[in-house]
Protein backbone atom coordinates (compact mmCIF):
# COMPACT_ATOMS: atom_id res chain seq x y z
CA MET A 1 -15.78 -40.22 7.12
CA VAL A 2 -17.44 -37.62 9.42
CA PRO A 3 -20.76 -38.32 10.33
CA VAL A 4 -23.43 -36.13 9.20
CA ILE A 5 -26.55 -35.32 11.58
CA ALA A 6 -29.64 -33.55 10.90
CA LEU A 7 -32.04 -32.42 13.20
CA VAL A 8 -36.07 -32.79 12.03
CA GLY A 9 -39.35 -32.19 13.32
CA ARG A 10 -42.17 -30.08 13.05
CA PRO A 11 -42.30 -26.18 13.29
CA ASN A 12 -41.14 -24.58 16.54
CA VAL A 13 -40.00 -27.59 18.61
CA GLY A 14 -36.56 -26.13 19.23
CA LYS A 15 -34.32 -27.47 16.43
CA SER A 16 -32.31 -24.11 15.97
CA THR A 17 -31.84 -23.79 19.74
CA LEU A 18 -30.26 -27.19 19.97
CA PHE A 19 -28.16 -26.28 16.60
CA ASN A 20 -27.00 -23.10 18.44
CA ARG A 21 -26.18 -25.42 21.46
CA LEU A 22 -24.47 -28.06 19.69
CA THR A 23 -22.38 -25.88 17.71
CA LYS A 24 -21.77 -23.26 20.25
CA THR A 25 -22.76 -20.97 18.00
CA ARG A 26 -25.69 -18.14 17.16
CA ASP A 27 -25.80 -19.07 13.38
CA ALA A 28 -29.52 -20.36 13.43
CA ILE A 29 -32.20 -17.41 14.01
CA VAL A 30 -34.10 -18.24 17.28
CA GLY A 31 -37.43 -16.95 18.39
CA ASP A 32 -40.88 -18.17 19.88
CA LEU A 33 -42.39 -18.29 16.43
CA SER A 34 -42.72 -21.11 14.00
CA GLY A 35 -41.25 -21.32 10.67
CA LEU A 36 -38.08 -19.08 11.13
CA THR A 37 -35.63 -21.54 9.64
CA ARG A 38 -36.34 -22.07 5.85
CA ASP A 39 -33.09 -23.13 4.54
CA ARG A 40 -30.81 -25.95 5.53
CA GLN A 41 -28.38 -24.69 7.85
CA TYR A 42 -24.86 -26.55 8.24
CA GLY A 43 -22.68 -26.23 10.90
CA ASP A 44 -19.25 -27.83 12.28
CA ALA A 45 -19.24 -29.26 15.95
CA SER A 46 -17.77 -31.75 18.06
CA TRP A 47 -18.36 -33.74 21.18
CA GLN A 48 -15.36 -35.15 23.25
CA GLY A 49 -13.19 -35.22 20.73
CA ARG A 50 -15.63 -36.47 17.90
CA SER A 51 -16.49 -34.15 15.23
CA TYR A 52 -19.32 -34.02 13.07
CA ILE A 53 -21.51 -32.16 10.71
CA LEU A 54 -24.92 -30.73 12.12
CA ILE A 55 -27.92 -29.70 9.82
CA ASP A 56 -30.80 -27.40 11.07
CA THR A 57 -34.08 -27.67 9.10
CA GLY A 58 -37.35 -25.90 8.80
CA GLY A 59 -40.47 -27.53 10.17
CA ILE A 60 -42.24 -30.36 8.49
CA THR A 61 -46.22 -30.35 8.95
CA GLY A 62 -47.12 -32.69 6.18
CA ASP A 63 -49.67 -30.03 4.65
CA GLU A 64 -47.41 -27.36 3.41
CA VAL A 65 -48.69 -25.35 0.24
CA GLY A 66 -46.50 -22.55 -1.38
CA MET A 67 -43.35 -21.68 0.25
CA ASP A 68 -44.04 -23.82 3.12
CA GLU A 69 -43.84 -26.60 0.64
CA LYS A 70 -40.35 -25.69 -0.51
CA MET A 71 -39.24 -25.35 3.07
CA ALA A 72 -40.17 -29.00 3.49
CA ALA A 73 -38.26 -30.03 0.76
CA GLN A 74 -35.19 -28.53 1.93
CA SER A 75 -36.04 -30.81 5.24
CA LEU A 76 -36.55 -33.85 3.07
CA MET A 77 -33.22 -33.43 1.24
CA ALA A 78 -31.29 -33.09 4.78
CA ILE A 79 -32.51 -36.47 5.65
CA GLU A 80 -31.31 -37.97 2.68
CA GLU A 81 -27.92 -36.22 3.35
CA ALA A 82 -27.67 -37.28 6.84
CA ASP A 83 -26.11 -40.23 8.17
CA TYR A 84 -28.19 -39.81 11.53
CA VAL A 85 -31.36 -37.99 12.07
CA LEU A 86 -32.36 -36.47 15.57
CA PHE A 87 -36.04 -36.29 15.58
CA LEU A 88 -37.20 -33.68 17.79
CA VAL A 89 -40.74 -33.36 19.33
CA ASP A 90 -42.14 -31.30 21.65
CA ALA A 91 -42.50 -32.55 25.09
CA ARG A 92 -44.73 -30.10 26.23
CA ALA A 93 -47.15 -29.94 23.42
CA GLY A 94 -47.10 -33.81 23.21
CA MET A 95 -47.74 -35.92 20.34
CA THR A 96 -49.34 -34.57 17.05
CA ALA A 97 -50.25 -35.71 13.55
CA ALA A 98 -47.22 -34.08 12.14
CA ASP A 99 -44.81 -35.93 14.50
CA GLN A 100 -46.63 -39.28 13.34
CA MET A 101 -46.05 -38.22 9.48
CA ILE A 102 -42.34 -37.48 10.15
CA ALA A 103 -41.89 -40.92 11.96
CA GLU A 104 -43.62 -42.67 9.23
CA HIS A 105 -41.38 -41.08 6.59
CA LEU A 106 -38.25 -41.77 8.69
CA ARG A 107 -39.11 -45.58 8.60
CA LYS A 108 -40.11 -45.65 4.89
CA ARG A 109 -36.17 -44.15 4.26
CA ASN A 110 -34.78 -46.64 6.62
CA LYS A 111 -32.82 -43.77 8.65
CA GLU A 112 -31.24 -44.60 11.54
CA ALA A 113 -33.18 -41.71 13.63
CA ILE A 114 -33.15 -41.20 17.50
CA LEU A 115 -36.48 -39.59 19.25
CA VAL A 116 -35.61 -36.61 20.98
CA ALA A 117 -38.33 -35.23 23.41
CA ASN A 118 -37.33 -31.36 23.86
CA LYS A 119 -38.64 -28.73 26.21
CA ILE A 120 -38.59 -31.33 29.49
CA ASP A 121 -37.82 -28.31 31.96
CA ASN A 122 -40.29 -28.18 34.73
CA ILE A 123 -42.23 -31.34 33.49
CA ASP A 124 -42.07 -35.06 34.40
CA ALA A 125 -39.75 -36.51 31.77
CA ASP A 126 -40.82 -39.75 32.16
CA VAL A 127 -44.51 -38.79 31.80
CA ALA A 128 -43.56 -36.87 28.35
CA ARG A 129 -41.40 -39.87 27.09
CA ALA A 130 -44.20 -42.26 27.31
CA GLU A 131 -46.70 -40.04 25.62
CA PHE A 132 -44.66 -40.45 22.35
CA SER A 133 -44.22 -44.31 22.56
CA PRO A 134 -46.95 -44.87 19.86
CA LEU A 135 -44.33 -43.41 17.49
CA GLY A 136 -42.85 -46.77 17.60
CA MET A 137 -39.15 -45.20 17.73
CA GLY A 138 -37.99 -46.66 21.03
CA ASN A 139 -37.70 -44.44 24.22
CA ALA A 140 -37.29 -40.64 23.61
CA ILE A 141 -34.48 -39.15 24.92
CA PRO A 142 -35.20 -36.30 27.24
CA VAL A 143 -33.54 -32.85 26.66
CA ALA A 144 -33.96 -29.30 27.20
CA GLY A 145 -31.92 -27.76 24.65
CA SER A 146 -32.21 -23.95 25.87
CA GLN A 147 -30.75 -25.24 29.17
CA GLY A 148 -28.56 -27.53 27.90
CA ARG A 149 -29.95 -30.62 29.96
CA GLY A 150 -29.43 -34.17 28.46
CA ILE A 151 -26.97 -32.93 25.88
CA ASN A 152 -24.47 -35.56 27.12
CA GLY A 153 -26.80 -38.65 26.86
CA LEU A 154 -28.37 -37.48 23.65
CA MET A 155 -24.69 -37.16 21.96
CA GLU A 156 -23.55 -40.72 23.81
CA ALA A 157 -26.55 -42.30 21.85
CA VAL A 158 -25.57 -41.10 18.62
CA LEU A 159 -21.78 -40.71 18.40
CA GLY A 160 -20.83 -42.98 21.80
CA HIS A 161 -20.31 -46.02 19.08
CA ILE A 162 -17.91 -44.14 17.12
CA PRO A 163 -14.42 -44.33 18.44
CA ARG A 164 -12.63 -40.89 18.68
CA ASP A 165 -9.47 -41.50 17.10
CA GLN A 166 -11.37 -43.38 14.24
CA VAL A 167 -12.98 -39.86 13.56
CA GLU A 168 -9.88 -37.68 13.81
CA GLU A 169 -8.47 -40.24 11.19
CA ALA A 170 -11.36 -39.78 8.83
CA LEU A 171 -11.20 -35.99 9.35
CA ASP A 172 -7.36 -35.88 8.59
CA ALA A 173 -8.16 -38.30 5.34
CA GLU A 174 -10.61 -35.69 4.24
CA VAL A 175 -8.03 -32.71 4.75
CA ALA A 176 -5.45 -34.34 2.85
CA GLU A 177 -7.93 -35.27 0.12
CA GLY A 178 -9.11 -31.56 0.11
CA GLU A 179 -12.85 -32.46 0.79
CA GLU A 180 -12.93 -30.30 3.58
CA ALA A 181 -14.52 -27.50 1.25
CA VAL A 182 -17.30 -29.75 0.07
CA ARG A 183 -18.02 -31.49 3.44
CA ILE A 184 -17.34 -29.24 6.12
CA PRO A 185 -19.40 -26.06 6.00
CA GLY A 186 -18.96 -22.80 8.15
CA PRO A 187 -16.97 -19.52 7.38
CA SER A 188 -13.39 -20.46 7.95
CA GLU A 189 -9.89 -20.22 5.89
CA LYS A 190 -10.15 -23.44 4.92
CA ASP A 191 -13.41 -22.90 2.64
CA GLY A 192 -11.72 -20.43 0.04
CA ILE A 193 -13.13 -17.42 -1.21
CA LYS A 194 -16.14 -16.22 0.86
CA ILE A 195 -18.86 -14.65 -1.30
CA ALA A 196 -21.47 -12.71 0.25
CA ILE A 197 -24.73 -12.58 -2.12
CA ILE A 198 -26.41 -9.14 -0.75
CA GLY A 199 -29.17 -6.85 -2.09
CA ARG A 200 -32.75 -5.81 -1.47
CA PRO A 201 -35.48 -8.41 -0.77
CA ASN A 202 -36.94 -10.48 -3.85
CA VAL A 203 -34.11 -9.29 -6.51
CA GLY A 204 -33.13 -13.04 -7.01
CA LYS A 205 -30.25 -13.68 -4.66
CA SER A 206 -31.26 -17.33 -3.72
CA THR A 207 -31.88 -17.97 -7.42
CA LEU A 208 -28.39 -16.73 -8.17
CA VAL A 209 -27.11 -18.85 -5.73
CA ASN A 210 -28.83 -21.92 -6.70
CA ARG A 211 -27.83 -21.00 -10.28
CA MET A 212 -24.05 -20.86 -9.47
CA LEU A 213 -23.97 -24.00 -7.26
CA GLY A 214 -26.07 -26.02 -10.00
CA GLU A 215 -28.48 -27.16 -7.26
CA GLU A 216 -31.78 -26.08 -5.47
CA ARG A 217 -29.70 -25.61 -2.45
CA VAL A 218 -31.74 -22.61 -1.01
CA VAL A 219 -35.41 -22.03 -0.93
CA VAL A 220 -36.66 -19.54 -3.81
CA TYR A 221 -40.01 -17.99 -3.86
CA ASP A 222 -42.07 -15.30 -5.40
CA GLN A 223 -42.36 -13.52 -2.00
CA PRO A 224 -39.85 -10.86 -0.53
CA GLY A 225 -37.93 -12.05 2.72
CA THR A 226 -38.14 -15.77 1.89
CA THR A 227 -34.26 -16.06 3.29
CA ARG A 228 -33.85 -14.85 6.98
CA ASP A 229 -30.61 -16.61 7.94
CA SER A 230 -27.28 -15.96 6.22
CA ILE A 231 -26.74 -19.46 4.79
CA TYR A 232 -22.99 -20.48 4.64
CA ILE A 233 -22.61 -22.93 1.56
CA PRO A 234 -18.57 -24.14 0.86
CA PHE A 235 -18.33 -25.86 -2.74
CA GLU A 236 -15.60 -26.49 -5.09
CA ARG A 237 -15.36 -25.30 -8.63
CA ASP A 238 -12.49 -26.01 -11.12
CA GLY A 239 -9.92 -26.90 -8.29
CA GLU A 240 -10.96 -23.50 -6.56
CA LYS A 241 -12.62 -23.58 -3.28
CA TYR A 242 -15.76 -20.98 -2.51
CA THR A 243 -18.01 -20.18 0.47
CA PHE A 244 -21.25 -18.56 -0.82
CA ILE A 245 -23.32 -16.93 1.93
CA ASP A 246 -26.81 -16.49 0.81
CA THR A 247 -28.36 -13.36 2.83
CA ALA A 248 -31.46 -11.93 3.75
CA GLY A 249 -32.66 -9.05 1.50
CA VAL A 250 -32.46 -5.75 3.41
CA ARG A 251 -35.03 -3.31 3.10
CA LYS A 252 -35.21 0.47 4.36
CA ARG A 253 -35.13 0.77 8.12
CA GLY A 254 -39.03 2.19 8.36
CA LYS A 255 -40.24 -0.81 6.43
CA ILE A 256 -38.81 -3.34 8.86
CA HIS A 257 -41.32 -4.35 11.62
CA GLU A 258 -40.94 -7.94 12.25
CA GLU A 259 -38.54 -8.42 15.03
CA VAL A 260 -37.33 -11.57 13.19
CA GLU A 261 -36.50 -9.42 10.32
CA LYS A 262 -34.33 -7.24 12.51
CA PHE A 263 -32.46 -10.53 13.18
CA SER A 264 -32.24 -11.13 9.45
CA VAL A 265 -30.43 -7.69 8.90
CA VAL A 266 -27.88 -7.91 11.61
CA LYS A 267 -27.21 -11.45 10.08
CA THR A 268 -26.58 -10.23 6.62
CA LEU A 269 -24.44 -7.24 8.08
CA GLN A 270 -22.44 -9.75 9.78
CA ALA A 271 -22.18 -11.80 6.49
CA ILE A 272 -20.61 -8.63 4.84
CA LYS A 273 -18.13 -8.10 7.23
CA ASP A 274 -17.24 -11.91 6.92
CA ALA A 275 -17.01 -12.14 3.42
CA ASN A 276 -13.95 -11.46 1.06
CA VAL A 277 -15.99 -10.72 -1.91
CA VAL A 278 -19.66 -9.05 -2.07
CA VAL A 279 -21.83 -9.67 -5.32
CA PHE A 280 -24.06 -7.12 -4.94
CA VAL A 281 -27.56 -8.06 -7.08
CA MET A 282 -29.79 -5.30 -8.21
CA ASP A 283 -33.48 -5.86 -10.33
CA ALA A 284 -32.57 -4.44 -13.80
CA ARG A 285 -36.10 -3.66 -14.18
CA GLU A 286 -36.50 -1.50 -11.38
CA GLY A 287 -33.09 0.22 -11.83
CA VAL A 288 -31.12 1.91 -8.95
CA VAL A 289 -33.08 2.95 -5.85
CA ASP A 290 -31.82 4.85 -3.02
CA HIS A 291 -31.62 1.93 -0.60
CA ASP A 292 -29.28 0.02 -3.16
CA LEU A 293 -26.70 3.07 -2.76
CA ASN A 294 -27.19 2.84 1.10
CA LEU A 295 -26.55 -1.18 1.36
CA LEU A 296 -23.69 -0.63 -1.17
CA GLY A 297 -21.94 1.96 0.84
CA PHE A 298 -21.90 -0.48 3.91
CA ALA A 299 -20.08 -2.66 1.74
CA LEU A 300 -17.53 -0.36 0.85
CA GLU A 301 -17.41 1.09 4.49
CA ALA A 302 -16.64 -2.44 5.52
CA GLY A 303 -13.87 -2.64 2.86
CA ARG A 304 -15.30 -5.63 0.94
CA ALA A 305 -14.34 -6.14 -2.49
CA ILE A 306 -17.25 -5.49 -4.92
CA VAL A 307 -18.85 -7.32 -7.85
CA ILE A 308 -22.12 -5.96 -9.03
CA ALA A 309 -24.85 -8.06 -11.03
CA LEU A 310 -27.96 -6.63 -12.98
CA ASN A 311 -30.45 -9.23 -12.21
CA LYS A 312 -33.53 -9.96 -14.50
CA TRP A 313 -32.06 -8.59 -17.84
CA ASP A 314 -33.61 -10.80 -20.18
CA GLY A 315 -36.85 -9.52 -21.76
CA MET A 316 -35.96 -5.82 -21.24
CA GLU A 317 -36.55 -3.38 -24.42
CA SER A 318 -33.04 -1.82 -25.89
CA GLY A 319 -34.03 1.47 -24.90
CA GLU A 320 -34.75 0.43 -21.11
CA ARG A 321 -31.47 -1.13 -21.14
CA ASP A 322 -29.90 1.95 -22.24
CA TYR A 323 -31.76 3.98 -19.29
CA VAL A 324 -30.59 1.36 -16.93
CA LYS A 325 -26.74 1.67 -18.22
CA THR A 326 -27.06 5.40 -18.04
CA GLU A 327 -28.39 5.31 -14.51
CA LEU A 328 -25.56 3.03 -13.34
CA GLU A 329 -22.82 5.37 -14.67
CA ARG A 330 -24.45 8.36 -12.90
CA ARG A 331 -25.37 7.09 -9.84
CA LEU A 332 -22.48 4.22 -9.06
CA PHE A 333 -19.64 6.49 -10.08
CA PHE A 334 -18.44 5.96 -6.64
CA VAL A 335 -17.69 2.09 -7.24
CA ASP A 336 -16.75 2.51 -10.80
CA PHE A 337 -13.77 0.18 -10.08
CA ALA A 338 -16.28 -2.72 -9.67
CA ASP A 339 -17.10 -5.02 -12.53
CA ILE A 340 -20.82 -4.88 -13.76
CA HIS A 341 -22.61 -8.04 -15.04
CA PHE A 342 -25.89 -8.11 -16.85
CA ILE A 343 -27.33 -11.18 -16.06
CA SER A 344 -30.48 -13.56 -15.70
CA ALA A 345 -30.46 -15.75 -12.59
CA LEU A 346 -33.44 -17.75 -13.67
CA HIS A 347 -32.06 -18.33 -17.23
CA GLY A 348 -28.58 -19.00 -16.55
CA THR A 349 -27.43 -15.80 -18.89
CA GLY A 350 -24.11 -14.35 -17.95
CA VAL A 351 -23.91 -16.11 -14.38
CA GLY A 352 -20.68 -18.16 -15.45
CA ASN A 353 -18.78 -14.98 -15.74
CA LEU A 354 -19.04 -13.76 -12.11
CA TYR A 355 -16.59 -16.39 -11.25
CA LYS A 356 -13.80 -14.53 -13.08
CA SER A 357 -14.58 -11.20 -11.60
CA VAL A 358 -14.76 -12.50 -8.19
CA GLN A 359 -11.53 -13.92 -8.44
CA ALA A 360 -9.85 -10.72 -9.76
CA ALA A 361 -11.51 -9.02 -6.99
CA PHE A 362 -10.47 -11.22 -4.39
CA LYS A 363 -6.69 -11.43 -5.52
CA SER A 364 -6.67 -7.48 -5.95
CA ALA A 365 -8.04 -7.61 -2.37
CA VAL A 366 -5.44 -9.58 -0.68
CA THR A 367 -1.97 -8.94 -2.87
CA ARG A 368 0.89 -7.68 -0.91
CA TRP A 369 3.67 -5.56 -2.45
CA PRO A 370 6.98 -4.51 -1.47
CA THR A 371 7.78 -1.14 0.35
CA SER A 372 10.05 -0.12 -2.54
CA ARG A 373 7.41 -0.74 -5.11
CA LEU A 374 4.56 1.24 -3.47
CA THR A 375 7.15 4.24 -2.71
CA GLN A 376 8.30 4.10 -6.26
CA ILE A 377 4.88 4.52 -7.10
CA LEU A 378 4.30 7.50 -5.03
CA GLU A 379 7.18 9.46 -5.96
CA ASP A 380 5.95 8.98 -9.63
CA ALA A 381 2.53 10.30 -8.66
CA VAL A 382 4.34 13.28 -6.67
CA SER A 383 6.78 14.28 -9.49
CA GLU A 384 3.61 14.40 -11.83
CA HIS A 385 1.45 16.17 -9.67
CA GLN A 386 2.89 17.54 -6.43
CA PRO A 387 0.91 18.19 -3.33
CA PRO A 388 -0.54 21.48 -2.21
CA LEU A 389 1.39 24.48 -0.58
CA VAL A 390 0.21 25.06 3.13
CA ASN A 391 1.00 28.26 4.69
CA GLY A 392 3.70 28.72 2.13
CA ARG A 393 5.15 25.41 2.91
CA ARG A 394 4.95 22.33 0.34
CA ILE A 395 3.71 19.10 1.84
CA LYS A 396 6.46 16.49 1.68
CA LEU A 397 5.36 12.60 1.32
CA ARG A 398 8.62 10.81 1.75
CA TYR A 399 7.48 6.55 1.57
CA ALA A 400 4.84 4.11 1.42
CA HIS A 401 4.39 0.74 2.23
CA LEU A 402 1.39 -1.62 2.76
CA GLY A 403 -0.43 -1.84 6.14
CA GLY A 404 -3.18 -4.20 5.36
CA ALA A 405 -5.24 -6.45 3.00
CA ASN A 406 -8.88 -6.77 2.01
CA PRO A 407 -9.21 -3.99 1.45
CA PRO A 408 -5.67 -3.06 0.67
CA LEU A 409 -4.17 -0.05 3.18
CA ILE A 410 -1.36 2.14 1.91
CA VAL A 411 0.05 4.01 4.76
CA ILE A 412 2.18 7.24 3.32
CA HIS A 413 4.61 8.86 5.54
CA GLY A 414 5.60 12.52 5.10
CA ASN A 415 5.19 16.12 6.72
CA GLN A 416 1.95 18.34 7.31
CA THR A 417 0.09 15.07 6.07
CA ASP A 418 -3.11 16.40 8.14
CA LYS A 419 -3.39 19.14 5.55
CA ILE A 420 -3.68 16.94 2.54
CA PRO A 421 -7.08 17.65 0.88
CA ARG A 422 -9.50 15.02 -0.12
CA SER A 423 -9.10 15.61 -3.95
CA TYR A 424 -5.32 14.44 -3.58
CA SER A 425 -5.93 11.45 -1.83
CA ARG A 426 -8.38 10.27 -4.57
CA TYR A 427 -5.51 11.00 -6.99
CA LEU A 428 -3.09 8.88 -5.09
CA GLU A 429 -6.00 6.18 -4.79
CA ASN A 430 -6.50 6.36 -8.48
CA THR A 431 -2.60 6.09 -9.33
CA TYR A 432 -2.21 3.07 -7.28
CA ARG A 433 -5.56 1.28 -8.64
CA ARG A 434 -4.24 2.28 -12.46
CA VAL A 435 -0.36 1.00 -11.89
CA LEU A 436 -1.23 -2.18 -9.76
CA LYS A 437 -4.12 -2.89 -12.19
CA LEU A 438 -6.30 -3.16 -9.17
CA VAL A 439 -10.01 -4.18 -10.00
CA GLY A 440 -13.01 -4.72 -7.68
CA THR A 441 -11.78 -3.72 -4.31
CA PRO A 442 -11.71 -0.26 -2.59
CA ILE A 443 -8.07 1.23 -1.49
CA ARG A 444 -7.54 3.15 1.75
CA ILE A 445 -4.85 5.54 2.23
CA GLU A 446 -3.70 6.48 5.66
CA TYR A 447 -1.18 9.22 6.40
CA LYS A 448 1.53 9.18 9.31
CA GLY A 449 3.02 12.68 9.85
CA GLY A 450 6.72 13.11 10.67
CA GLU A 451 7.18 14.19 14.46
CA ASN A 452 10.04 16.06 15.89
CA PRO A 453 11.61 13.93 18.22
CA TYR A 454 12.73 16.58 20.53
CA GLU A 455 9.41 18.38 20.44
CA GLY A 456 8.36 19.44 24.35
CA ASN A 457 11.91 18.46 25.58
CA LYS A 458 13.33 21.51 27.41
CA ASN A 459 16.59 21.44 29.45
CA THR A 460 16.01 22.87 33.13
CA LEU A 461 18.47 25.29 34.18
CA THR A 462 20.29 25.48 37.02
CA ASP A 463 20.55 28.33 39.75
CA ARG A 464 23.81 29.39 38.59
CA GLN A 465 22.62 29.05 34.82
CA VAL A 466 19.49 31.08 35.76
CA ASN A 467 21.38 34.03 37.38
CA LYS A 468 24.49 33.76 34.63
CA LYS A 469 21.79 34.39 31.90
CA ARG A 470 20.08 37.20 33.84
CA ARG A 471 23.63 39.24 34.24
CA LEU A 472 24.06 38.69 30.63
CA MET A 473 20.66 39.80 29.52
CA SER A 474 21.29 42.67 31.90
CA HIS A 475 24.40 43.48 30.59
CA HIS A 476 23.05 43.29 26.93
CA LYS A 477 20.44 45.78 27.93
CA LYS A 478 23.16 48.30 29.39
CA ALA A 479 24.84 47.87 26.06
CA GLU A 480 22.05 48.71 23.85
CA LYS A 481 21.36 51.79 25.86
CA LYS A 482 24.96 53.43 25.52
CA ARG A 483 24.40 52.31 21.57
CA LYS A 484 21.16 54.67 21.61
CA ASP A 485 22.51 57.36 23.84
CA LYS A 486 25.70 58.14 21.21
CA ARG A 487 23.57 58.49 18.49
């Protein structure tokens, strides 16, 4: 089996920095502020041919309350999942009561843990290591996660006893058995349909993720901005592979003040582009607000397939529900191709139906059609409603072919295509959507004009030809003059 390694420690000891260093990514948010990491963040990593799974966790202090308590619970769950624990301490700050508490917990759980003294740059490593000897966890391995110092020695202590071929054989066996979607997280093709859960803060995105997964996978708390990272969660359901991407809520630009929140917004926008399908979550009690339209517009611009979920639908009066439905029809007309579900993530009402819409949207977004099929649909559409005249000439559309998928891109060839009005393009989009029975995905139409292959090509006349042309023109003018004189 591929080993699972968890990074644990109190807040701000450099766990996320080391996570990014080992996974060679920037998946974990890093900043000079404690408590940035709140959910378990998984990453795929390897060292000298030995593959392993790395888990970044939030800090543990032992006196957490409120949301911090839920963050600590996520860290403790990561310890239970892991085969090895890298217990990080801050060499500059020295040993604290929180470090002693974590060490005691690891001993009680009988976990194979290695003490790691981080931030040893510009200080005496031996003195720093000696300070943590009372923890009773052996000699600490000195590292500087931000600079990459001591990483090889650390990984040798963790993975050095595992033969390289043994790990590769275990990985091959897991791939053969189809276990990689459950065990190996991260955004890649082997993880199946990637679903980004997006929306404004506190609309219930993390609650929905936990409900669809059937476990408390991400931190849920009654406070906007609980989720800060984009968390990739691979899983399998009814033989189908998925990867959920739980994202941070995106507020209006004017309300974003914290530097951390700016990074979170960037992560959310990246997750939208990385996903195959976007589940757009809205608060049914607040209705459709302007910022919902902005965020939904970004998802459309990225070409993602879309499923809309109206959360917190339970407990609403009949009149309130009718008003919300009217507002949806009025303000979301530009995404009328997307399925809308009225759900309660807290109680599970209607949540199971989301999977069917996600699969239908994904299928519509990636299905490919032959050129003959797309051209026939174009010919039928033109026969029923011809393009307009431009300067007395009819726009001609000759044939169509598929130019890409997710979203479907249909390339249409013809002449005067730069004069086609937007209304006629919408007509073609709706025609293709209806005939091909597409749901949940936008369609893009691209036009290619017919070019004259001889345009701009002019023959260069020789001197003899120029003189002959001049004589002919002179003869023609004299003949014209004689005809006029006879009249």
